[in-house]
């Protein structure tokens, strides 16, 4: 191969890698729009009444200092809910497969 061809091929491969990652982020955002997630501010009792008991309740994290609130996490098959005290602060979709690029797995 000529040096010009190698350079062109390298540039194309760089753009191809970025395009696949962008597509994945778009697909994840579209999927989130179709999944009912607990809204911010709901109580833990409201979440459990609406979505049932979680598949797993992870160990609380944080709380070492007054300005670091304790965060509780409930794992459902499709999403994980994060609580500060007993109120939802966020809910995120779980990875569909272990090879999927997306949110980091929960710290256990």
C-alpha atoms as a PDB file:
ATOM      1  CA  UNK A   1       0.000   0.000   0.000  1.00  0.00           C
ATOM      2  CA  UNK A   2       1.091   3.514  -0.665  1.00  0.00           C
ATOM      3  CA  UNK A   3       1.515   5.900   2.300  1.00  0.00           C
ATOM      4  CA  UNK A   4      -1.437   7.990   1.096  1.00  0.00           C
ATOM      5  CA  UNK A   5      -3.689   4.933   1.048  1.00  0.00           C
ATOM      6  CA  UNK A   6      -2.599   3.931   4.564  1.00  0.00           C
ATOM      7  CA  UNK A   7      -3.359   7.402   5.879  1.00  0.00           C
ATOM      8  CA  UNK A   8      -6.783   7.446   4.235  1.00  0.00           C
ATOM      9  CA  UNK A   9      -7.593   4.004   5.624  1.00  0.00           C
ATOM     10  CA  UNK A  10      -6.510   5.085   9.137  1.00  0.00           C
ATOM     11  CA  UNK A  11      -8.718   8.181   9.005  1.00  0.00           C
ATOM     12  CA  UNK A  12     -11.715   6.156   7.832  1.00  0.00           C
ATOM     13  CA  UNK A  13     -11.240   3.595  10.610  1.00  0.00           C
ATOM     14  CA  UNK A  14     -11.105   6.357  13.230  1.00  0.00           C
ATOM     15  CA  UNK A  15     -14.409   7.809  12.028  1.00  0.00           C
ATOM     16  CA  UNK A  16     -16.036   4.365  11.811  1.00  0.00           C
ATOM     17  CA  UNK A  17     -15.275   3.668  15.493  1.00  0.00           C
ATOM     18  CA  UNK A  18     -16.798   6.966  16.598  1.00  0.00           C
ATOM     19  CA  UNK A  19     -19.926   6.468  14.507  1.00  0.00           C
ATOM     20  CA  UNK A  20     -20.769   3.138  16.115  1.00  0.00           C
ATOM     21  CA  UNK A  21     -20.447   4.600  19.613  1.00  0.00           C
ATOM     22  CA  UNK A  22     -22.702   7.539  18.673  1.00  0.00           C
ATOM     23  CA  UNK A  23     -25.312   5.158  17.285  1.00  0.00           C
ATOM     24  CA  UNK A  24     -25.307   3.177  20.523  1.00  0.00           C
ATOM     25  CA  UNK A  25     -25.914   6.310  22.597  1.00  0.00           C
ATOM     26  CA  UNK A  26     -28.823   7.307  20.361  1.00  0.00           C
ATOM     27  CA  UNK A  27     -30.317   3.817  20.593  1.00  0.00           C
ATOM     28  CA  UNK A  28     -30.026   3.845  24.394  1.00  0.00           C
ATOM     29  CA  UNK A  29     -31.696   7.258  24.578  1.00  0.00           C
ATOM     30  CA  UNK A  30     -34.544   6.053  22.367  1.00  0.00           C
ATOM     31  CA  UNK A  31     -34.951   2.904  24.446  1.00  0.00           C
ATOM     32  CA  UNK A  32     -35.161   4.948  27.660  1.00  0.00           C
ATOM     33  CA  UNK A  33     -38.060   6.914  26.195  1.00  0.00           C
ATOM     34  CA  UNK A  34     -40.067   3.662  25.908  1.00  0.00           C
ATOM     35  CA  UNK A  35     -39.298   2.289  29.388  1.00  0.00           C
ATOM     36  CA  UNK A  36     -41.298   3.572  32.340  1.00  0.00           C
ATOM     37  CA  UNK A  37     -38.791   4.699  34.970  1.00  0.00           C
ATOM     38  CA  UNK A  38     -39.497   6.035  38.464  1.00  0.00           C
ATOM     39  CA  UNK A  39     -39.594   9.822  38.468  1.00  0.00           C
ATOM     40  CA  UNK A  40     -37.352  11.966  40.647  1.00  0.00           C
ATOM     41  CA  UNK A  41     -38.979  12.754  43.996  1.00  0.00           C
ATOM     42  CA  UNK A  42     -41.079   9.594  44.374  1.00  0.00           C
ATOM     43  CA  UNK A  43     -40.820   7.872  47.737  1.00  0.00           C
ATOM     44  CA  UNK A  44     -39.450   4.346  48.096  1.00  0.00           C
ATOM     45  CA  UNK A  45     -42.970   3.166  49.034  1.00  0.00           C
ATOM     46  CA  UNK A  46     -44.402   4.716  45.845  1.00  0.00           C
ATOM     47  CA  UNK A  47     -41.716   3.039  43.721  1.00  0.00           C
ATOM     48  CA  UNK A  48     -42.401  -0.334  45.304  1.00  0.00           C
ATOM     49  CA  UNK A  49     -46.172   0.086  44.888  1.00  0.00           C
ATOM     50  CA  UNK A  50     -45.808   1.023  41.207  1.00  0.00           C
ATOM     51  CA  UNK A  51     -42.955  -1.310  40.118  1.00  0.00           C
ATOM     52  CA  UNK A  52     -43.078  -4.093  42.712  1.00  0.00           C
ATOM     53  CA  UNK A  53     -40.276  -5.323  44.933  1.00  0.00           C
ATOM     54  CA  UNK A  54     -36.772  -4.870  43.496  1.00  0.00           C
ATOM     55  CA  UNK A  55     -34.834  -7.925  42.344  1.00  0.00           C
ATOM     56  CA  UNK A  56     -31.948  -6.773  44.539  1.00  0.00           C
ATOM     57  CA  UNK A  57     -31.224  -4.094  47.140  1.00  0.00           C
ATOM     58  CA  UNK A  58     -27.555  -3.162  47.030  1.00  0.00           C
ATOM     59  CA  UNK A  59     -25.532  -2.059  50.045  1.00  0.00           C
ATOM     60  CA  UNK A  60     -25.898   1.675  50.770  1.00  0.00           C
ATOM     61  CA  UNK A  61     -22.983   3.914  49.768  1.00  0.00           C
ATOM     62  CA  UNK A  62     -21.828   7.253  51.154  1.00  0.00           C
ATOM     63  CA  UNK A  63     -22.763   8.874  54.442  1.00  0.00           C
ATOM     64  CA  UNK A  64     -19.201   9.120  55.764  1.00  0.00           C
ATOM     65  CA  UNK A  65     -19.665  12.874  56.238  1.00  0.00           C
ATOM     66  CA  UNK A  66     -22.755  15.013  56.769  1.00  0.00           C
ATOM     67  CA  UNK A  67     -22.384  16.576  53.302  1.00  0.00           C
ATOM     68  CA  UNK A  68     -22.206  13.082  51.688  1.00  0.00           C
ATOM     69  CA  UNK A  69     -25.700  11.634  51.894  1.00  0.00           C
ATOM     70  CA  UNK A  70     -26.233   7.896  52.018  1.00  0.00           C
ATOM     71  CA  UNK A  71     -27.388   6.576  48.639  1.00  0.00           C
ATOM     72  CA  UNK A  72     -29.565   3.460  48.466  1.00  0.00           C
ATOM     73  CA  UNK A  73     -29.850   1.474  45.224  1.00  0.00           C
ATOM     74  CA  UNK A  74     -32.594  -0.874  44.101  1.00  0.00           C
ATOM     75  CA  UNK A  75     -31.997  -3.053  41.066  1.00  0.00           C
ATOM     76  CA  UNK A  76     -34.897  -4.053  38.816  1.00  0.00           C
ATOM     77  CA  UNK A  77     -34.461  -6.232  35.680  1.00  0.00           C
ATOM     78  CA  UNK A  78     -34.437  -3.227  33.310  1.00  0.00           C
ATOM     79  CA  UNK A  79     -33.240  -0.353  35.500  1.00  0.00           C
ATOM     80  CA  UNK A  80     -31.599   0.714  38.771  1.00  0.00           C
ATOM     81  CA  UNK A  81     -33.154   3.311  41.081  1.00  0.00           C
ATOM     82  CA  UNK A  82     -31.026   5.592  43.293  1.00  0.00           C
ATOM     83  CA  UNK A  83     -32.491   7.020  46.504  1.00  0.00           C
ATOM     84  CA  UNK A  84     -31.303   9.731  48.877  1.00  0.00           C
ATOM     85  CA  UNK A  85     -33.047   9.000  52.164  1.00  0.00           C
ATOM     86  CA  UNK A  86     -36.325   7.592  50.820  1.00  0.00           C
ATOM     87  CA  UNK A  87     -36.682   9.771  47.697  1.00  0.00           C
ATOM     88  CA  UNK A  88     -35.722   8.912  44.105  1.00  0.00           C
ATOM     89  CA  UNK A  89     -32.845  11.024  42.832  1.00  0.00           C
ATOM     90  CA  UNK A  90     -32.270   9.077  39.587  1.00  0.00           C
ATOM     91  CA  UNK A  91     -33.164   5.926  37.649  1.00  0.00           C
ATOM     92  CA  UNK A  92     -30.982   4.511  34.875  1.00  0.00           C
ATOM     93  CA  UNK A  93     -31.333   1.652  32.404  1.00  0.00           C
ATOM     94  CA  UNK A  94     -29.178  -1.407  33.068  1.00  0.00           C
ATOM     95  CA  UNK A  95     -26.814  -2.718  30.422  1.00  0.00           C
ATOM     96  CA  UNK A  96     -28.580  -5.090  28.044  1.00  0.00           C
ATOM     97  CA  UNK A  97     -25.487  -7.290  27.669  1.00  0.00           C
ATOM     98  CA  UNK A  98     -22.092  -7.472  29.324  1.00  0.00           C
ATOM     99  CA  UNK A  99     -20.418  -6.339  26.078  1.00  0.00           C
ATOM    100  CA  UNK A 100     -22.629  -3.261  25.675  1.00  0.00           C
ATOM    101  CA  UNK A 101     -20.974   0.096  26.118  1.00  0.00           C
ATOM    102  CA  UNK A 102     -22.970   2.175  28.549  1.00  0.00           C
ATOM    103  CA  UNK A 103     -23.211   3.025  32.230  1.00  0.00           C
ATOM    104  CA  UNK A 104     -20.583   1.463  34.445  1.00  0.00           C
ATOM    105  CA  UNK A 105     -21.844  -1.497  36.483  1.00  0.00           C
ATOM    106  CA  UNK A 106     -22.916  -0.774  40.043  1.00  0.00           C
ATOM    107  CA  UNK A 107     -20.261  -0.854  42.758  1.00  0.00           C
ATOM    108  CA  UNK A 108     -21.093  -3.762  45.024  1.00  0.00           C
END
